[in-house]
Amino acid sequence: MNTHILFFLLLSMDVLGAPITNTIVDTIISKCPKNIVPNEFCVAHIEALLALEHISGKSPPREILMDALMAVRNAYVDDGHIHLALAASQRFAQLVPEHSLIGEENANHLLWLERASPFSSKGEGALPKLHECPTQTMCTILINAARLNQHLRMGGGRCLMHPAFIEGGPGMGLVVARDVAPGETLIVMPQTLALRHASDEGLGENASWAKDLDRVERFAVRLLMMLDNSEWKAWQDLLTSRWLGDTPSDLDLPHSWTTEQIELLRHVNPFAAAWATSHVTGWTATFNEVESSLKKILREELVTLEHWLWACGYGTSRATDDAIVPYVELMNHSPDGETLLVSPFGEHWMRATKHYKKGEQVFFQYFRPPAEVVFSLMTWGLVPTDFSREASFQWHFGMIGSASTWPRVAQALEKHDWQWRVVVIGNGTGLLQICRALYMEEEDMEHIDKLLLGEEVSPRNELMAIREEYEQLRHLQQSLEKALPMLEAATPSPQLDTIRQLHYVQQEIISVALSSASLKYTLSYWTARQEVNTTKYSYIPPRIVPTPSYKDTKIWHQYRSRYVYVA
């Protein structure tokens, strides 16, 4: 049977239409007060209600439909869409008695709108169709998401969730169609409906070269092939309805930011800015290599750098370890969200771990807290604030050693794949380990294996490393303080909000790390002072609290310069 015919049949049997229509009706009732001109969110849901009514042939309750038509008529008038307001008013007239009070009020509107609309002289058939989502992209996205839901069911999948827009939230999410108990299966996605980067199936002989690409770039090839395959039309329509025209634009990852935004990011976290730039550089280089091969398997309009970068970004942010799972990629993140499992047969499925009330949003756990915030920014375009004081972030380590042992230490670190130029601030001992490396003396080189294992090398080395850790954190804190005026003066944008959030979370992490480093050094300082007559310590740096004298600070900085200088 033709899939489009089956789609309409299933809608008419309420397999899909009823739950989504009910959610839209509930949203209109709860979020769109009567007698108030609706905002864009409400107009989009009213348009989606009219679209689903047209598709299914089943009307919502008469009073709800009347309220919706009256509200959208007033919104269209306010926005200057007189021809649409006329269409809404004509539809409204079909539902109310002509001589009722509300019917007479609408008749007056009709007279005025007919005079104002250029379409009135061309007959009712010339008016735009209210069920075609005439003004709101959000309506189109809702309808296309409903079609994807149906595509899932037709392909053998099962789902207790359907798409909905979350007002004031992160956009679209998935909500449950009924009350759900813990242990119930929320979704089952057959293997045939997921894009797998490691599978050769579907690539074809002309795309066998894609097997040699990395994981993200293989996903990019599969995504572009999917956009050129009619069997994936439901997903195509949903993806492209979130674009601006023919331009891929629904992602907000740093690699797609402007030069000015990347420069702001550089002041807040230079490692993150370099990472974003390297993404674009690497993906662009690959595109230049495979462009001619892509043209053999794709329509020419899909073989652009813009589409390729979008596909690489989508593969980065929407994929699980092994696949991009349509529909699941619509879910929003929560640290206590649900997880996706894979059956021995390759099916992806999700089981409820809590009670859900009808209409409640189901979240997906992109990562387990506490997060490494730069990775989450680069991968999903978000900076998690949950557990921020227990989180961590990556940072370029801007210091290198100046001691005579440093070249040998650096060589040993690199030989053991130590990324010492990038350090994790927060959870773990990465910064302390690098500080140990800076203060390696000749006698410490006998114990370099301890350094590589992340263990204490010697009492003197540990004392210096703990003091240096505090210095590095304090320097980092000052760098973030200097970035504040730039953030305050920058042009407002969602990207700026993300950068500010990153700045805030990093400050929280550093605050905790500084307190910990200060306490550690205070304990180490007094331990060293008690052993001052031994040969363990040739020099003891000054205390952190109370603030040391100018003389002690100067001596410490002079001593420190023997081991550390800015790279």
Protein backbone atom coordinates (compact mmCIF):
# COMPACT_ATOMS: atom_id res chain seq x y z
CA MET A 1 0.00 0.00 0.00
CA ASN A 2 1.20 3.54 -0.77
CA THR A 3 2.81 4.95 2.40
CA HIS A 4 1.00 8.30 2.09
CA ILE A 5 -2.39 6.53 1.86
CA LEU A 6 -1.50 4.40 4.88
CA PHE A 7 -0.47 7.53 6.77
CA PHE A 8 -3.88 9.11 6.29
CA LEU A 9 -5.68 5.86 7.13
CA LEU A 10 -3.77 5.51 10.38
CA LEU A 11 -4.48 9.11 11.25
CA SER A 12 -8.19 8.60 10.68
CA MET A 13 -8.06 5.55 12.97
CA ASP A 14 -6.52 7.72 15.73
CA VAL A 15 -3.27 5.72 15.76
CA LEU A 16 -1.37 9.00 15.67
CA GLY A 17 -3.80 11.90 15.38
CA ALA A 18 -5.59 11.66 18.72
CA PRO A 19 -2.61 11.79 21.13
CA ILE A 20 -0.91 14.66 19.31
CA THR A 21 -4.18 16.53 18.80
CA ASN A 22 -5.01 16.08 22.49
CA THR A 23 -1.62 17.48 23.49
CA ILE A 24 -2.06 20.46 21.18
CA VAL A 25 -5.56 21.09 22.56
CA ASP A 26 -4.26 20.83 26.14
CA THR A 27 -1.47 23.26 25.28
CA ILE A 28 -3.90 25.78 23.78
CA ILE A 29 -6.21 25.53 26.80
CA SER A 30 -3.43 25.81 29.40
CA LYS A 31 -1.00 28.21 27.69
CA CYS A 32 -3.23 30.44 25.57
CA PRO A 33 -5.75 32.42 27.68
CA LYS A 34 -9.07 33.35 26.08
CA ASN A 35 -9.77 36.99 25.20
CA ILE A 36 -6.04 37.70 24.80
CA VAL A 37 -4.40 37.99 21.40
CA PRO A 38 -2.23 34.84 21.16
CA ASN A 39 1.55 34.97 20.81
CA GLU A 40 3.52 33.08 18.14
CA PHE A 41 3.67 29.94 20.29
CA CYS A 42 -0.13 29.84 20.55
CA VAL A 43 -0.70 30.74 16.89
CA ALA A 44 1.60 27.87 15.88
CA HIS A 45 -0.40 25.40 17.96
CA ILE A 46 -3.72 26.66 16.61
CA GLU A 47 -2.40 26.31 13.06
CA ALA A 48 -1.16 22.79 13.89
CA LEU A 49 -4.60 21.93 15.30
CA LEU A 50 -6.24 23.05 12.04
CA ALA A 51 -3.66 21.12 10.01
CA LEU A 52 -4.26 17.88 11.94
CA GLU A 53 -8.01 18.40 11.63
CA HIS A 54 -7.62 18.63 7.86
CA ILE A 55 -5.34 15.57 7.65
CA SER A 56 -7.44 13.32 9.88
CA GLY A 57 -10.87 14.63 8.87
CA LYS A 58 -11.82 14.76 12.55
CA SER A 59 -12.63 18.09 14.18
CA PRO A 60 -11.75 18.98 17.77
CA PRO A 61 -14.62 19.92 20.13
CA ARG A 62 -16.70 22.72 18.61
CA GLU A 63 -16.17 25.24 21.44
CA ILE A 64 -12.40 24.73 21.38
CA LEU A 65 -12.33 25.14 17.60
CA MET A 66 -14.40 28.33 17.84
CA ASP A 67 -12.12 29.81 20.51
CA ALA A 68 -9.07 28.88 18.45
CA LEU A 69 -10.43 30.46 15.27
CA MET A 70 -11.42 33.66 17.06
CA ALA A 71 -7.99 33.91 18.72
CA VAL A 72 -6.04 33.29 15.53
CA ARG A 73 -8.26 35.73 13.62
CA ASN A 74 -7.36 38.49 16.08
CA ALA A 75 -3.66 37.56 15.93
CA TYR A 76 -3.68 37.69 12.13
CA VAL A 77 -5.31 41.14 12.22
CA ASP A 78 -2.66 42.42 14.65
CA ASP A 79 0.12 41.06 12.42
CA GLY A 80 -1.40 42.54 9.25
CA HIS A 81 -2.38 39.17 7.71
CA ILE A 82 -5.82 40.43 6.66
CA HIS A 83 -6.41 37.66 4.10
CA LEU A 84 -5.73 34.99 6.75
CA ALA A 85 -7.95 36.78 9.25
CA LEU A 86 -10.71 36.76 6.62
CA ALA A 87 -10.28 33.00 6.10
CA ALA A 88 -10.48 32.41 9.87
CA SER A 89 -13.55 34.61 10.16
CA GLN A 90 -15.30 32.78 7.31
CA ARG A 91 -14.54 29.42 8.92
CA PHE A 92 -15.81 30.76 12.25
CA ALA A 93 -19.07 31.85 10.59
CA GLN A 94 -19.74 28.22 9.61
CA LEU A 95 -19.72 27.17 13.28
CA VAL A 96 -22.02 29.76 14.90
CA PRO A 97 -25.66 30.73 14.37
CA GLU A 98 -25.83 33.85 12.23
CA HIS A 99 -28.15 35.76 14.60
CA SER A 100 -26.36 34.92 17.83
CA LEU A 101 -24.44 37.66 19.63
CA ILE A 102 -21.09 36.11 18.78
CA GLY A 103 -22.25 35.47 15.22
CA GLU A 104 -23.19 39.12 14.75
CA GLU A 105 -19.83 40.22 16.16
CA ASN A 106 -18.06 37.97 13.66
CA ALA A 107 -20.29 39.25 10.83
CA ASN A 108 -19.06 42.78 11.55
CA HIS A 109 -15.50 41.51 11.38
CA LEU A 110 -16.29 39.82 8.08
CA LEU A 111 -17.60 43.04 6.54
CA TRP A 112 -14.51 44.97 7.56
CA LEU A 113 -12.10 42.20 6.49
CA GLU A 114 -13.80 41.73 3.11
CA ARG A 115 -13.32 45.42 2.37
CA ALA A 116 -9.70 45.36 3.53
CA SER A 117 -8.61 42.10 1.87
CA PRO A 118 -7.64 42.01 -1.82
CA PHE A 119 -8.72 38.36 -1.91
CA SER A 120 -12.40 39.04 -1.16
CA SER A 121 -13.24 39.87 -4.78
CA LYS A 122 -11.65 36.63 -6.00
CA GLY A 123 -13.93 34.31 -4.07
CA GLU A 124 -13.42 32.10 -1.03
CA GLY A 125 -11.27 29.63 -2.99
CA ALA A 126 -8.60 32.27 -3.50
CA LEU A 127 -7.98 32.67 0.23
CA PRO A 128 -4.89 31.02 1.74
CA LYS A 129 -5.48 27.71 3.52
CA LEU A 130 -5.41 27.84 7.32
CA HIS A 131 -4.45 24.17 7.49
CA GLU A 132 -1.17 24.74 5.60
CA CYS A 133 0.68 26.37 8.53
CA PRO A 134 0.54 29.77 6.81
CA THR A 135 2.62 31.84 9.24
CA GLN A 136 4.46 29.70 11.80
CA THR A 137 7.43 27.43 11.10
CA MET A 138 6.75 25.84 14.48
CA CYS A 139 3.47 24.51 13.07
CA THR A 140 5.25 22.94 10.10
CA ILE A 141 7.79 21.33 12.43
CA LEU A 142 5.00 19.89 14.60
CA ILE A 143 3.23 18.34 11.62
CA ASN A 144 6.47 16.94 10.19
CA ALA A 145 7.35 15.51 13.60
CA ALA A 146 3.94 13.83 13.62
CA ARG A 147 4.72 12.31 10.23
CA LEU A 148 8.04 11.03 11.58
CA ASN A 149 6.15 9.46 14.47
CA GLN A 150 3.98 7.70 11.92
CA HIS A 151 7.02 6.65 9.88
CA LEU A 152 8.41 5.00 13.00
CA ARG A 153 5.21 3.02 13.54
CA MET A 154 4.97 1.99 9.90
CA GLY A 155 8.56 0.76 10.09
CA GLY A 156 7.82 -1.56 12.99
CA GLY A 157 8.70 0.77 15.85
CA ARG A 158 6.68 1.40 18.99
CA CYS A 159 6.47 4.64 20.90
CA LEU A 160 4.53 6.00 23.88
CA MET A 161 5.89 9.51 23.22
CA HIS A 162 5.15 12.16 20.64
CA PRO A 163 6.64 15.57 19.79
CA ALA A 164 5.58 18.81 21.44
CA PHE A 165 6.99 22.32 21.71
CA ILE A 166 7.92 23.35 25.24
CA GLU A 167 7.03 26.99 25.89
CA GLY A 168 9.93 28.88 27.41
CA GLY A 169 12.08 25.77 27.07
CA PRO A 170 14.69 24.49 24.64
CA GLY A 171 12.26 24.07 21.74
CA MET A 172 10.80 20.73 20.76
CA GLY A 173 10.80 17.72 23.06
CA LEU A 174 8.97 14.43 23.47
CA VAL A 175 6.03 14.02 25.85
CA VAL A 176 4.12 10.89 26.85
CA ALA A 177 0.72 10.27 25.28
CA ARG A 178 -0.69 8.71 28.47
CA ASP A 179 0.28 7.98 32.06
CA VAL A 180 3.35 5.72 32.10
CA ALA A 181 4.55 3.50 34.94
CA PRO A 182 8.19 2.63 35.73
CA GLY A 183 9.38 -0.30 33.65
CA GLU A 184 7.16 0.40 30.65
CA THR A 185 8.90 0.62 27.29
CA LEU A 186 8.84 4.19 26.02
CA ILE A 187 10.22 3.53 22.55
CA VAL A 188 11.51 0.71 20.37
CA MET A 189 13.35 1.75 17.21
CA PRO A 190 14.08 -1.03 14.68
CA GLN A 191 17.62 -1.34 13.40
CA THR A 192 16.48 -0.38 9.90
CA LEU A 193 15.38 3.08 11.09
CA ALA A 194 18.74 4.12 12.57
CA LEU A 195 21.80 5.49 10.76
CA ARG A 196 24.89 3.53 11.82
CA HIS A 197 28.37 4.83 11.11
CA ALA A 198 30.04 1.42 11.39
CA SER A 199 27.70 -0.42 9.02
CA ASP A 200 28.49 -0.73 5.32
CA GLU A 201 24.85 -1.47 4.53
CA GLY A 202 23.29 1.13 2.26
CA LEU A 203 26.52 2.86 1.31
CA GLY A 204 26.68 1.21 -2.09
CA GLU A 205 29.67 0.67 -4.32
CA ASN A 206 30.01 4.36 -5.19
CA ALA A 207 30.31 5.28 -1.51
CA SER A 208 32.69 2.53 -0.38
CA TRP A 209 35.35 5.22 0.12
CA ALA A 210 33.36 6.51 3.12
CA LYS A 211 34.52 3.50 5.15
CA ASP A 212 37.93 5.17 5.49
CA LEU A 213 36.54 8.35 7.08
CA ASP A 214 36.33 8.93 10.81
CA ARG A 215 33.15 8.33 12.82
CA VAL A 216 31.63 11.83 12.51
CA GLU A 217 32.43 12.14 8.80
CA ARG A 218 30.89 8.72 8.10
CA PHE A 219 27.74 9.97 9.82
CA ALA A 220 27.90 13.08 7.62
CA VAL A 221 27.95 10.97 4.43
CA ARG A 222 25.02 8.88 5.66
CA LEU A 223 23.01 11.98 6.61
CA LEU A 224 23.48 13.56 3.19
CA MET A 225 22.59 10.26 1.50
CA MET A 226 19.47 10.12 3.68
CA LEU A 227 18.49 13.60 2.46
CA ASP A 228 18.68 12.23 -1.08
CA ASN A 229 16.60 9.08 -0.39
CA SER A 230 12.79 9.15 -0.63
CA GLU A 231 12.48 6.30 1.89
CA TRP A 232 13.58 8.77 4.59
CA LYS A 233 11.19 11.55 3.52
CA ALA A 234 9.54 11.86 6.95
CA TRP A 235 12.88 12.57 8.59
CA GLN A 236 14.00 14.77 5.68
CA ASP A 237 10.93 16.97 6.07
CA LEU A 238 11.45 17.35 9.81
CA LEU A 239 15.14 18.20 9.46
CA THR A 240 14.72 20.70 6.65
CA SER A 241 11.67 22.39 8.22
CA ARG A 242 14.02 23.53 10.98
CA TRP A 243 16.35 25.19 8.45
CA LEU A 244 16.12 28.74 7.14
CA GLY A 245 15.03 28.06 3.58
CA ASP A 246 17.56 25.72 1.96
CA THR A 247 20.28 26.66 4.44
CA PRO A 248 21.13 24.11 7.17
CA SER A 249 20.78 26.18 10.31
CA ASP A 250 19.16 24.33 13.20
CA LEU A 251 22.40 23.56 15.07
CA ASP A 252 24.07 25.90 17.52
CA LEU A 253 27.49 24.34 18.05
CA PRO A 254 30.57 26.57 18.42
CA HIS A 255 31.97 25.44 15.06
CA SER A 256 29.07 27.33 13.41
CA TRP A 257 29.56 30.56 15.39
CA THR A 258 30.78 33.83 13.90
CA THR A 259 34.40 34.97 14.12
CA GLU A 260 33.43 37.57 16.74
CA GLN A 261 31.69 34.95 18.89
CA ILE A 262 34.67 32.58 18.66
CA GLU A 263 36.94 35.45 19.72
CA LEU A 264 34.76 36.02 22.80
CA LEU A 265 34.92 32.30 23.53
CA ARG A 266 38.71 32.49 23.23
CA HIS A 267 38.85 34.97 26.13
CA VAL A 268 36.70 32.68 28.27
CA ASN A 269 38.31 29.39 27.26
CA PRO A 270 41.05 29.39 24.60
CA PHE A 271 41.02 25.60 24.39
CA ALA A 272 37.30 25.57 23.48
CA ALA A 273 37.85 28.22 20.80
CA ALA A 274 40.78 26.28 19.33
CA TRP A 275 38.68 23.09 19.36
CA ALA A 276 35.85 24.79 17.45
CA THR A 277 38.28 26.19 14.88
CA SER A 278 39.98 22.81 14.44
CA HIS A 279 36.59 21.20 13.77
CA VAL A 280 35.91 23.56 10.89
CA THR A 281 39.46 23.23 9.54
CA GLY A 282 39.43 19.42 9.67
CA TRP A 283 35.94 18.98 8.24
CA THR A 284 36.65 21.50 5.48
CA ALA A 285 39.84 19.64 4.51
CA THR A 286 37.91 16.36 4.30
CA PHE A 287 35.18 17.98 2.20
CA ASN A 288 37.78 19.19 -0.29
CA GLU A 289 39.08 15.62 -0.53
CA VAL A 290 35.70 13.90 -0.98
CA GLU A 291 33.71 16.57 -2.86
CA SER A 292 34.10 14.87 -6.25
CA SER A 293 33.12 11.51 -4.74
CA LEU A 294 30.05 13.04 -3.07
CA LYS A 295 28.88 14.42 -6.42
CA LYS A 296 28.67 10.85 -7.73
CA ILE A 297 26.15 9.79 -5.07
CA LEU A 298 24.23 13.00 -4.21
CA ARG A 299 22.25 15.75 -5.89
CA GLU A 300 24.49 18.68 -6.72
CA GLU A 301 22.65 21.08 -4.40
CA LEU A 302 23.53 18.87 -1.41
CA VAL A 303 27.26 18.87 -2.18
CA THR A 304 28.21 22.16 -0.57
CA LEU A 305 30.57 22.96 2.27
CA GLU A 306 27.61 24.39 4.18
CA HIS A 307 25.69 21.11 4.00
CA TRP A 308 28.82 19.11 4.84
CA LEU A 309 29.61 21.17 7.96
CA TRP A 310 25.98 20.88 9.05
CA ALA A 311 26.05 17.10 8.59
CA CYS A 312 29.32 16.80 10.55
CA GLY A 313 27.85 18.92 13.34
CA TYR A 314 24.68 16.84 13.35
CA GLY A 315 26.71 13.65 13.53
CA THR A 316 28.66 15.11 16.45
CA SER A 317 25.70 16.27 18.51
CA ARG A 318 22.86 13.87 17.69
CA ALA A 319 24.59 10.50 17.55
CA THR A 320 24.87 7.87 20.24
CA ASP A 321 28.07 5.83 20.31
CA ASP A 322 27.06 3.84 17.23
CA ALA A 323 24.04 5.43 15.56
CA ILE A 324 21.83 8.44 14.94
CA VAL A 325 18.37 7.38 16.07
CA PRO A 326 15.58 9.48 14.51
CA TYR A 327 12.95 10.71 16.95
CA VAL A 328 15.20 10.07 19.97
CA GLU A 329 17.38 12.93 18.74
CA LEU A 330 14.42 15.27 19.40
CA MET A 331 14.72 14.66 23.15
CA ASN A 332 16.19 17.27 25.49
CA HIS A 333 18.89 16.63 28.07
CA SER A 334 18.50 16.18 31.79
CA PRO A 335 21.09 14.72 34.19
CA ASP A 336 18.44 12.30 35.49
CA GLY A 337 16.93 11.58 32.07
CA GLU A 338 16.37 8.19 30.47
CA THR A 339 19.06 6.20 28.66
CA LEU A 340 18.99 4.36 25.35
CA LEU A 341 19.73 0.65 25.25
CA VAL A 342 20.56 -1.65 22.33
CA SER A 343 19.11 -5.15 22.03
CA PRO A 344 21.08 -8.14 20.65
CA PHE A 345 19.07 -7.65 17.43
CA GLY A 346 20.24 -4.05 16.99
CA GLU A 347 17.00 -2.41 18.15
CA HIS A 348 17.30 0.79 20.17
CA TRP A 349 14.87 0.98 23.06
CA MET A 350 14.16 3.04 26.15
CA ARG A 351 12.45 2.01 29.37
CA ALA A 352 10.80 4.40 31.85
CA THR A 353 12.58 4.65 35.20
CA LYS A 354 9.88 6.79 36.85
CA HIS A 355 6.18 7.62 36.73
CA TYR A 356 5.15 10.00 33.94
CA LYS A 357 1.84 11.83 33.79
CA LYS A 358 0.13 12.30 30.44
CA GLY A 359 1.74 15.22 28.60
CA GLU A 360 4.91 15.21 30.74
CA GLN A 361 8.20 15.64 28.91
CA VAL A 362 10.63 12.72 28.81
CA PHE A 363 14.28 13.73 28.94
CA PHE A 364 17.33 11.92 27.62
CA GLN A 365 20.59 11.70 29.56
CA TYR A 366 23.20 12.93 27.09
CA PHE A 367 25.93 12.44 29.70
CA ARG A 368 26.24 11.57 33.36
CA PRO A 369 26.94 14.36 35.84
CA PRO A 370 29.18 15.92 36.86
CA ALA A 371 30.11 17.03 33.35
CA GLU A 372 33.28 18.13 31.64
CA VAL A 373 31.73 21.35 30.39
CA VAL A 374 33.93 22.08 27.35
CA PHE A 375 33.21 18.64 25.90
CA SER A 376 29.47 19.11 26.41
CA LEU A 377 29.66 22.54 24.74
CA MET A 378 31.56 21.19 21.73
CA THR A 379 29.38 18.09 21.41
CA TRP A 380 25.86 19.26 22.25
CA GLY A 381 26.10 23.04 22.27
CA LEU A 382 25.12 23.33 25.93
CA VAL A 383 26.89 24.21 29.16
CA PRO A 384 25.40 22.19 32.03
CA THR A 385 24.90 24.10 35.27
CA ASP A 386 23.79 21.05 37.25
CA PHE A 387 26.49 19.98 39.70
CA SER A 388 28.63 22.89 38.47
CA ARG A 389 30.78 22.92 41.61
CA GLU A 390 31.62 19.24 41.07
CA ALA A 391 32.18 19.60 37.32
CA SER A 392 35.41 20.23 35.41
CA PHE A 393 36.64 21.95 32.27
CA GLN A 394 39.59 21.63 29.91
CA TRP A 395 42.07 24.48 29.55
CA HIS A 396 45.26 25.20 27.64
CA PHE A 397 48.19 24.92 30.05
CA GLY A 398 50.13 28.08 29.26
CA MET A 399 53.28 27.31 31.26
CA ILE A 400 56.29 25.16 30.46
CA GLY A 401 59.28 24.22 32.56
CA SER A 402 62.54 26.14 32.68
CA ALA A 403 64.47 23.68 34.86
CA SER A 404 67.30 21.70 33.25
CA THR A 405 65.26 18.52 33.61
CA TRP A 406 62.23 19.83 31.70
CA PRO A 407 63.12 18.63 28.16
CA ARG A 408 63.53 15.06 29.43
CA VAL A 409 60.35 15.30 31.51
CA ALA A 410 58.33 16.64 28.57
CA GLN A 411 59.69 13.89 26.32
CA ALA A 412 58.68 11.25 28.86
CA LEU A 413 55.19 12.74 29.18
CA GLU A 414 54.64 12.79 25.43
CA LYS A 415 56.03 9.27 25.04
CA HIS A 416 53.37 8.07 27.48
CA ASP A 417 50.67 10.06 25.63
CA TRP A 418 50.28 12.67 28.35
CA GLN A 419 48.43 15.66 26.88
CA TRP A 420 50.20 18.02 29.25
CA ARG A 421 49.42 21.10 27.15
CA VAL A 422 45.72 20.60 27.93
CA VAL A 423 44.75 20.18 31.56
CA VAL A 424 41.45 19.40 33.27
CA ILE A 425 40.49 21.93 35.96
CA GLY A 426 38.20 20.64 38.68
CA ASN A 427 37.66 16.94 39.24
CA GLY A 428 40.85 14.91 39.34
CA THR A 429 44.53 15.70 39.84
CA GLY A 430 45.54 16.60 36.27
CA LEU A 431 46.73 20.10 37.14
CA LEU A 432 48.68 18.89 40.18
CA GLN A 433 50.41 16.24 38.07
CA ILE A 434 51.60 18.83 35.56
CA CYS A 435 52.82 21.05 38.41
CA ARG A 436 54.82 18.10 39.73
CA ALA A 437 56.44 17.81 36.30
CA LEU A 438 57.51 21.47 36.39
CA TYR A 439 59.45 21.07 39.64
CA MET A 440 61.36 17.88 38.84
CA GLU A 441 64.96 18.09 40.11
CA GLU A 442 67.78 15.83 38.97
CA GLU A 443 67.32 13.51 41.97
CA ASP A 444 63.57 13.31 41.18
CA MET A 445 64.28 11.90 37.72
CA GLU A 446 65.04 8.55 39.33
CA HIS A 447 61.35 8.41 40.27
CA ILE A 448 59.83 9.66 37.01
CA ASP A 449 57.74 6.48 36.90
CA LYS A 450 55.85 7.84 39.92
CA LEU A 451 55.19 11.06 38.03
CA LEU A 452 53.80 9.13 35.07
CA LEU A 453 51.57 7.11 37.41
CA GLY A 454 50.21 10.29 39.00
CA GLU A 455 51.86 9.65 42.35
CA GLU A 456 53.85 11.88 44.70
CA VAL A 457 57.48 12.07 43.55
CA SER A 458 59.16 13.47 46.67
CA PRO A 459 58.17 15.66 49.66
CA ARG A 460 59.96 18.71 48.20
CA ASN A 461 58.41 18.21 44.75
CA GLU A 462 54.94 17.77 46.25
CA LEU A 463 55.22 20.94 48.33
CA MET A 464 56.23 22.99 45.28
CA ALA A 465 53.60 21.37 43.07
CA ILE A 466 50.77 22.14 45.50
CA ARG A 467 51.91 25.78 45.77
CA GLU A 468 52.20 26.00 41.97
CA GLU A 469 48.73 24.52 41.56
CA TYR A 470 47.36 27.42 43.60
CA GLU A 471 49.32 29.93 41.48
CA GLN A 472 47.96 28.44 38.26
CA LEU A 473 44.38 28.51 39.52
CA ARG A 474 44.73 32.09 40.72
CA HIS A 475 46.15 33.11 37.32
CA LEU A 476 43.23 31.40 35.61
CA GLN A 477 40.75 33.17 37.89
CA GLN A 478 42.30 36.52 37.00
CA SER A 479 42.05 35.70 33.28
CA LEU A 480 38.32 35.08 33.65
CA GLU A 481 37.90 38.33 35.58
CA LYS A 482 39.55 40.23 32.71
CA ALA A 483 37.07 38.69 30.26
CA LEU A 484 34.02 40.11 32.08
CA PRO A 485 34.07 43.62 30.53
CA MET A 486 34.19 42.08 27.03
CA LEU A 487 31.19 39.89 27.77
CA GLU A 488 29.24 42.83 29.18
CA ALA A 489 29.96 44.94 26.09
CA ALA A 490 29.20 42.21 23.52
CA THR A 491 26.10 42.20 21.32
CA PRO A 492 23.35 40.10 22.93
CA SER A 493 22.75 36.72 21.30
CA PRO A 494 22.01 33.11 22.31
CA GLN A 495 25.70 32.34 21.69
CA LEU A 496 26.72 35.10 24.10
CA ASP A 497 24.37 33.60 26.70
CA THR A 498 26.15 30.26 26.26
CA ILE A 499 29.58 31.88 26.62
CA ARG A 500 28.45 33.70 29.76
CA GLN A 501 27.15 30.44 31.16
CA LEU A 502 30.51 28.81 30.46
CA HIS A 503 32.24 31.74 32.16
CA TYR A 504 30.01 31.39 35.23
CA VAL A 505 30.47 27.61 35.54
CA GLN A 506 34.25 27.90 35.16
CA GLN A 507 34.33 30.51 37.92
CA GLU A 508 32.36 28.15 40.18
CA ILE A 509 34.76 25.29 39.46
CA ILE A 510 37.83 27.47 40.05
CA SER A 511 36.41 28.80 43.31
CA VAL A 512 36.10 25.26 44.67
CA ALA A 513 39.52 24.26 43.30
CA LEU A 514 41.20 27.32 44.85
CA SER A 515 39.71 26.59 48.27
CA SER A 516 40.92 23.01 48.04
CA ALA A 517 44.41 24.02 46.85
CA SER A 518 44.71 26.64 49.60
CA LEU A 519 43.79 24.12 52.27
CA LYS A 520 46.18 21.51 50.85
CA TYR A 521 49.06 23.97 50.80
CA THR A 522 48.36 25.22 54.32
CA LEU A 523 48.62 21.66 55.63
CA SER A 524 51.74 20.97 53.54
CA TYR A 525 53.32 24.27 54.62
CA TRP A 526 53.05 23.53 58.34
CA THR A 527 54.25 19.97 57.82
CA ALA A 528 57.31 21.32 56.01
CA ARG A 529 57.94 23.96 58.68
CA GLN A 530 58.07 21.26 61.32
CA GLU A 531 60.81 19.54 59.32
CA VAL A 532 62.69 22.69 58.37
CA ASN A 533 65.98 21.41 59.75
CA THR A 534 65.95 18.34 57.52
CA THR A 535 67.35 18.21 53.98
CA LYS A 536 63.93 17.60 52.41
CA TYR A 537 63.23 21.27 51.72
CA SER A 538 65.82 23.73 50.44
CA TYR A 539 63.12 26.39 50.24
CA ILE A 540 59.55 26.69 51.53
CA PRO A 541 57.22 29.07 49.63
CA PRO A 542 55.25 31.56 51.75
CA ARG A 543 51.81 30.85 53.13
CA ILE A 544 48.71 31.74 51.15
CA VAL A 545 46.71 32.91 54.18
CA PRO A 546 47.40 35.38 55.65
CA THR A 547 48.72 37.28 52.63
CA PRO A 548 52.54 37.09 52.61
CA SER A 549 54.71 40.19 52.75
CA TYR A 550 55.98 41.90 49.61
CA LYS A 551 59.49 40.62 50.32
CA ASP A 552 58.39 36.99 50.74
CA THR A 553 56.27 37.21 47.59
CA LYS A 554 59.16 38.64 45.57
CA ILE A 555 61.52 35.90 46.75
CA TRP A 556 58.92 33.26 45.87
CA HIS A 557 58.41 34.63 42.35
CA GLN A 558 62.17 34.74 41.79
CA TYR A 559 62.50 31.14 42.96
CA ARG A 560 59.49 30.08 40.88
CA SER A 561 60.99 31.58 37.70
CA ARG A 562 63.74 28.93 37.87
CA TYR A 563 61.11 26.29 37.13
CA VAL A 564 58.24 27.96 35.28
CA TYR A 565 57.81 30.45 32.48
CA VAL A 566 54.92 31.40 30.21
CA ALA A 567 54.93 29.46 26.93
